[in-house]
Amino acid sequence: MLNLMKQFVREDDGLEMVEWAIVAALITTTAAVTMAGIGTEVDAAFQTVLTTLQAGG
């Protein structure tokens, strides 16, 4: 198993695959954080609308 890992690291294709996996993880993390922030803002907007409607106007 150790030899297989060493061969994997020595090959360019293996390193490139690891790099792409890291890039994909960073993109996924950024998207999740961004969507969470947007979700909070949308929730606040809906709460404002709800409060306005409940106040009658």
PDB file of N, CA and C in Angstrom:
ATOM      1  N   MET A   1       0.826  -1.195   0.000  1.00  0.00           N
ATOM      2  CA  MET A   1       0.000   0.000   0.000  1.00  0.00           C
ATOM      3  C   MET A   1       0.868   1.257   0.000  1.00  0.00           C
ATOM      4  N   LEU A   2       1.960   1.227   0.775  1.00  0.00           N
ATOM      5  CA  LEU A   2       2.860   2.378   0.832  1.00  0.00           C
ATOM      6  C   LEU A   2       3.496   2.643  -0.525  1.00  0.00           C
ATOM      7  N   ASN A   3       3.884   1.583  -1.216  1.00  0.00           N
ATOM      8  CA  ASN A   3       4.464   1.747  -2.557  1.00  0.00           C
ATOM      9  C   ASN A   3       3.456   2.355  -3.521  1.00  0.00           C
ATOM     10  N   LEU A   4       2.211   1.950  -3.396  1.00  0.00           N
ATOM     11  CA  LEU A   4       1.159   2.496  -4.257  1.00  0.00           C
ATOM     12  C   LEU A   4       0.987   3.993  -4.004  1.00  0.00           C
ATOM     13  N   MET A   5       1.030   4.389  -2.732  1.00  0.00           N
ATOM     14  CA  MET A   5       0.916   5.811  -2.404  1.00  0.00           C
ATOM     15  C   MET A   5       2.115   6.601  -2.923  1.00  0.00           C
ATOM     16  N   LYS A   6       3.314   6.040  -2.806  1.00  0.00           N
ATOM     17  CA  LYS A   6       4.511   6.719  -3.315  1.00  0.00           C
ATOM     18  C   LYS A   6       4.426   6.901  -4.824  1.00  0.00           C
ATOM     19  N   GLN A   7       3.977   5.863  -5.515  1.00  0.00           N
ATOM     20  CA  GLN A   7       3.839   5.942  -6.975  1.00  0.00           C
ATOM     21  C   GLN A   7       2.778   6.991  -7.329  1.00  0.00           C
ATOM     22  N   PHE A   8       1.694   7.013  -6.573  1.00  0.00           N
ATOM     23  CA  PHE A   8       0.624   7.973  -6.813  1.00  0.00           C
ATOM     24  C   PHE A   8       1.143   9.405  -6.684  1.00  0.00           C
ATOM     25  N   VAL A   9       1.967   9.662  -5.665  1.00  0.00           N
ATOM     26  CA  VAL A   9       2.495  11.003  -5.437  1.00  0.00           C
ATOM     27  C   VAL A   9       3.521  11.377  -6.496  1.00  0.00           C
ATOM     28  N   ARG A  10       4.308  10.418  -6.961  1.00  0.00           N
ATOM     29  CA  ARG A  10       5.338  10.707  -7.957  1.00  0.00           C
ATOM     30  C   ARG A  10       4.761  11.017  -9.331  1.00  0.00           C
ATOM     31  N   GLU A  11       3.623  10.450  -9.640  1.00  0.00           N
ATOM     32  CA  GLU A  11       3.036  10.671 -10.956  1.00  0.00           C
ATOM     33  C   GLU A  11       2.409  12.065 -11.021  1.00  0.00           C
ATOM     34  N   ASP A  12       2.559  12.716 -12.155  1.00  0.00           N
ATOM     35  CA  ASP A  12       1.964  14.045 -12.333  1.00  0.00           C
ATOM     36  C   ASP A  12       0.451  13.993 -12.290  1.00  0.00           C
ATOM     37  N   ASP A  13      -0.132  12.947 -12.841  1.00  0.00           N
ATOM     38  CA  ASP A  13      -1.588  12.833 -12.857  1.00  0.00           C
ATOM     39  C   ASP A  13      -2.138  12.786 -11.441  1.00  0.00           C
ATOM     40  N   GLY A  14      -1.442  12.092 -10.552  1.00  0.00           N
ATOM     41  CA  GLY A  14      -1.891  12.006  -9.165  1.00  0.00           C
ATOM     42  C   GLY A  14      -1.851  13.350  -8.483  1.00  0.00           C
ATOM     43  N   LEU A  15      -0.787  14.085  -8.697  1.00  0.00           N
ATOM     44  CA  LEU A  15      -0.675  15.414  -8.097  1.00  0.00           C
ATOM     45  C   LEU A  15      -1.716  16.362  -8.654  1.00  0.00           C
ATOM     46  N   GLU A  16      -1.936  16.261  -9.945  1.00  0.00           N
ATOM     47  CA  GLU A  16      -2.935  17.127 -10.567  1.00  0.00           C
ATOM     48  C   GLU A  16      -4.326  16.819 -10.020  1.00  0.00           C
ATOM     49  N   MET A  17      -4.613  15.555  -9.788  1.00  0.00           N
ATOM     50  CA  MET A  17      -5.910  15.172  -9.247  1.00  0.00           C
ATOM     51  C   MET A  17      -6.078  15.720  -7.822  1.00  0.00           C
ATOM     52  N   VAL A  18      -5.021  15.672  -7.040  1.00  0.00           N
ATOM     53  CA  VAL A  18      -5.070  16.220  -5.679  1.00  0.00           C
ATOM     54  C   VAL A  18      -5.295  17.726  -5.737  1.00  0.00           C
ATOM     55  N   GLU A  19      -4.623  18.407  -6.647  1.00  0.00           N
ATOM     56  CA  GLU A  19      -4.805  19.854  -6.788  1.00  0.00           C
ATOM     57  C   GLU A  19      -6.249  20.194  -7.141  1.00  0.00           C
ATOM     58  N   TRP A  20      -6.822  19.438  -8.074  1.00  0.00           N
ATOM     59  CA  TRP A  20      -8.204  19.693  -8.461  1.00  0.00           C
ATOM     60  C   TRP A  20      -9.159  19.396  -7.312  1.00  0.00           C
ATOM     61  N   ALA A  21      -8.849  18.388  -6.511  1.00  0.00           N
ATOM     62  CA  ALA A  21      -9.689  18.077  -5.350  1.00  0.00           C
ATOM     63  C   ALA A  21      -9.654  19.226  -4.344  1.00  0.00           C
ATOM     64  N   ILE A  22      -8.491  19.818  -4.151  1.00  0.00           N
ATOM     65  CA  ILE A  22      -8.370  20.958  -3.236  1.00  0.00           C
ATOM     66  C   ILE A  22      -9.139  22.157  -3.780  1.00  0.00           C
ATOM     67  N   VAL A  23      -9.025  22.407  -5.069  1.00  0.00           N
ATOM     68  CA  VAL A  23      -9.763  23.514  -5.687  1.00  0.00           C
ATOM     69  C   VAL A  23     -11.267  23.292  -5.532  1.00  0.00           C
ATOM     70  N   ALA A  24     -11.719  22.068  -5.773  1.00  0.00           N
ATOM     71  CA  ALA A  24     -13.147  21.763  -5.638  1.00  0.00           C
ATOM     72  C   ALA A  24     -13.613  21.959  -4.193  1.00  0.00           C
ATOM     73  N   ALA A  25     -12.788  21.567  -3.237  1.00  0.00           N
ATOM     74  CA  ALA A  25     -13.149  21.748  -1.829  1.00  0.00           C
ATOM     75  C   ALA A  25     -13.247  23.228  -1.473  1.00  0.00           C
ATOM     76  N   LEU A  26     -12.324  24.041  -1.986  1.00  0.00           N
ATOM     77  CA  LEU A  26     -12.366  25.478  -1.727  1.00  0.00           C
ATOM     78  C   LEU A  26     -13.601  26.132  -2.346  1.00  0.00           C
ATOM     79  N   ILE A  27     -13.934  25.728  -3.564  1.00  0.00           N
ATOM     80  CA  ILE A  27     -15.121  26.271  -4.227  1.00  0.00           C
ATOM     81  C   ILE A  27     -16.376  25.883  -3.461  1.00  0.00           C
ATOM     82  N   THR A  28     -16.449  24.633  -3.028  1.00  0.00           N
ATOM     83  CA  THR A  28     -17.610  24.160  -2.277  1.00  0.00           C
ATOM     84  C   THR A  28     -17.757  24.915  -0.960  1.00  0.00           C
ATOM     85  N   THR A  29     -16.652  25.104  -0.261  1.00  0.00           N
ATOM     86  CA  THR A  29     -16.687  25.824   1.010  1.00  0.00           C
ATOM     87  C   THR A  29     -17.121  27.271   0.807  1.00  0.00           C
ATOM     88  N   THR A  30     -16.570  27.916  -0.204  1.00  0.00           N
ATOM     89  CA  THR A  30     -16.933  29.301  -0.499  1.00  0.00           C
ATOM     90  C   THR A  30     -18.414  29.412  -0.851  1.00  0.00           C
ATOM     91  N   ALA A  31     -18.901  28.484  -1.655  1.00  0.00           N
ATOM     92  CA  ALA A  31     -20.315  28.503  -2.031  1.00  0.00           C
ATOM     93  C   ALA A  31     -21.211  28.312  -0.810  1.00  0.00           C
ATOM     94  N   ALA A  32     -20.844  27.399   0.077  1.00  0.00           N
ATOM     95  CA  ALA A  32     -21.652  27.151   1.269  1.00  0.00           C
ATOM     96  C   ALA A  32     -21.698  28.380   2.175  1.00  0.00           C
ATOM     97  N   VAL A  33     -20.563  29.016   2.382  1.00  0.00           N
ATOM     98  CA  VAL A  33     -20.510  30.216   3.235  1.00  0.00           C
ATOM     99  C   VAL A  33     -21.312  31.346   2.601  1.00  0.00           C
ATOM    100  N   THR A  34     -21.184  31.514   1.296  1.00  0.00           N
ATOM    101  CA  THR A  34     -21.917  32.568   0.594  1.00  0.00           C
ATOM    102  C   THR A  34     -23.420  32.335   0.678  1.00  0.00           C
ATOM    103  N   MET A  35     -23.844  31.103   0.447  1.00  0.00           N
ATOM    104  CA  MET A  35     -25.277  30.795   0.500  1.00  0.00           C
ATOM    105  C   MET A  35     -25.840  30.976   1.903  1.00  0.00           C
ATOM    106  N   ALA A  36     -25.053  30.654   2.910  1.00  0.00           N
ATOM    107  CA  ALA A  36     -25.508  30.860   4.286  1.00  0.00           C
ATOM    108  C   ALA A  36     -25.704  32.350   4.553  1.00  0.00           C
ATOM    109  N   GLY A  37     -24.791  33.170   4.086  1.00  0.00           N
ATOM    110  CA  GLY A  37     -24.910  34.619   4.265  1.00  0.00           C
ATOM    111  C   GLY A  37     -26.107  35.187   3.528  1.00  0.00           C
ATOM    112  N   ILE A  38     -26.312  34.736   2.313  1.00  0.00           N
ATOM    113  CA  ILE A  38     -27.461  35.198   1.527  1.00  0.00           C
ATOM    114  C   ILE A  38     -28.754  34.746   2.190  1.00  0.00           C
ATOM    115  N   GLY A  39     -28.755  33.525   2.703  1.00  0.00           N
ATOM    116  CA  GLY A  39     -29.950  33.006   3.380  1.00  0.00           C
ATOM    117  C   GLY A  39     -30.332  33.862   4.571  1.00  0.00           C
ATOM    118  N   THR A  40     -29.350  34.319   5.313  1.00  0.00           N
ATOM    119  CA  THR A  40     -29.606  35.185   6.465  1.00  0.00           C
ATOM    120  C   THR A  40     -30.212  36.509   6.021  1.00  0.00           C
ATOM    121  N   GLU A  41     -29.685  37.068   4.943  1.00  0.00           N
ATOM    122  CA  GLU A  41     -30.216  38.338   4.431  1.00  0.00           C
ATOM    123  C   GLU A  41     -31.641  38.183   3.899  1.00  0.00           C
ATOM    124  N   VAL A  42     -31.907  37.082   3.213  1.00  0.00           N
ATOM    125  CA  VAL A  42     -33.253  36.833   2.686  1.00  0.00           C
ATOM    126  C   VAL A  42     -34.232  36.656   3.842  1.00  0.00           C
ATOM    127  N   ASP A  43     -33.811  35.926   4.874  1.00  0.00           N
ATOM    128  CA  ASP A  43     -34.667  35.737   6.042  1.00  0.00           C
ATOM    129  C   ASP A  43     -34.990  37.079   6.696  1.00  0.00           C
ATOM    130  N   ALA A  44     -33.996  37.946   6.823  1.00  0.00           N
ATOM    131  CA  ALA A  44     -34.230  39.268   7.409  1.00  0.00           C
ATOM    132  C   ALA A  44     -35.212  40.078   6.568  1.00  0.00           C
ATOM    133  N   ALA A  45     -35.097  39.991   5.250  1.00  0.00           N
ATOM    134  CA  ALA A  45     -36.012  40.710   4.364  1.00  0.00           C
ATOM    135  C   ALA A  45     -37.445  40.198   4.529  1.00  0.00           C
ATOM    136  N   PHE A  46     -37.610  38.878   4.595  1.00  0.00           N
ATOM    137  CA  PHE A  46     -38.943  38.316   4.782  1.00  0.00           C
ATOM    138  C   PHE A  46     -39.516  38.678   6.150  1.00  0.00           C
ATOM    139  N   GLN A  47     -38.664  38.739   7.162  1.00  0.00           N
ATOM    140  CA  GLN A  47     -39.141  39.139   8.492  1.00  0.00           C
ATOM    141  C   GLN A  47     -39.614  40.584   8.477  1.00  0.00           C
ATOM    142  N   THR A  48     -38.926  41.440   7.738  1.00  0.00           N
ATOM    143  CA  THR A  48     -39.339  42.842   7.614  1.00  0.00           C
ATOM    144  C   THR A  48     -40.701  42.941   6.924  1.00  0.00           C
ATOM    145  N   VAL A  49     -40.859  42.193   5.846  1.00  0.00           N
ATOM    146  CA  VAL A  49     -42.134  42.182   5.128  1.00  0.00           C
ATOM    147  C   VAL A  49     -43.241  41.659   6.051  1.00  0.00           C
ATOM    148  N   LEU A  50     -42.984  40.583   6.770  1.00  0.00           N
ATOM    149  CA  LEU A  50     -43.984  40.007   7.673  1.00  0.00           C
ATOM    150  C   LEU A  50     -44.368  41.004   8.754  1.00  0.00           C
ATOM    151  N   THR A  51     -43.405  41.657   9.333  1.00  0.00           N
ATOM    152  CA  THR A  51     -43.673  42.658  10.377  1.00  0.00           C
ATOM    153  C   THR A  51     -44.497  43.806   9.825  1.00  0.00           C
ATOM    154  N   THR A  52     -44.175  44.245   8.621  1.00  0.00           N
ATOM    155  CA  THR A  52     -44.933  45.335   7.992  1.00  0.00           C
ATOM    156  C   THR A  52     -46.369  44.936   7.713  1.00  0.00           C
ATOM    157  N   LEU A  53     -46.557  43.721   7.222  1.00  0.00           N
ATOM    158  CA  LEU A  53     -47.911  43.246   6.922  1.00  0.00           C
ATOM    159  C   LEU A  53     -48.730  43.063   8.207  1.00  0.00           C
ATOM    160  N   GLN A  54     -48.084  42.588   9.253  1.00  0.00           N
ATOM    161  CA  GLN A  54     -48.800  42.374  10.520  1.00  0.00           C
ATOM    162  C   GLN A  54     -49.167  43.708  11.163  1.00  0.00           C
ATOM    163  N   ALA A  55     -48.372  44.737  10.898  1.00  0.00           N
ATOM    164  CA  ALA A  55     -48.660  46.056  11.459  1.00  0.00           C
ATOM    165  C   ALA A  55     -49.774  46.761  10.695  1.00  0.00           C
ATOM    166  N   GLY A  56     -50.166  46.200   9.573  1.00  0.00           N
ATOM    167  CA  GLY A  56     -51.281  46.751   8.829  1.00  0.00           C
ATOM    168  C   GLY A  56     -50.914  47.728   7.757  1.00  0.00           C
ATOM    169  N   GLY A  57     -49.681  47.651   7.323  1.00  0.00           N
ATOM    170  CA  GLY A  57     -49.490  48.591   6.302  1.00  0.00           C
ATOM    171  C   GLY A  57     -48.230  48.728   5.654  1.00  0.00           C
TER     172      GLY A  57
END
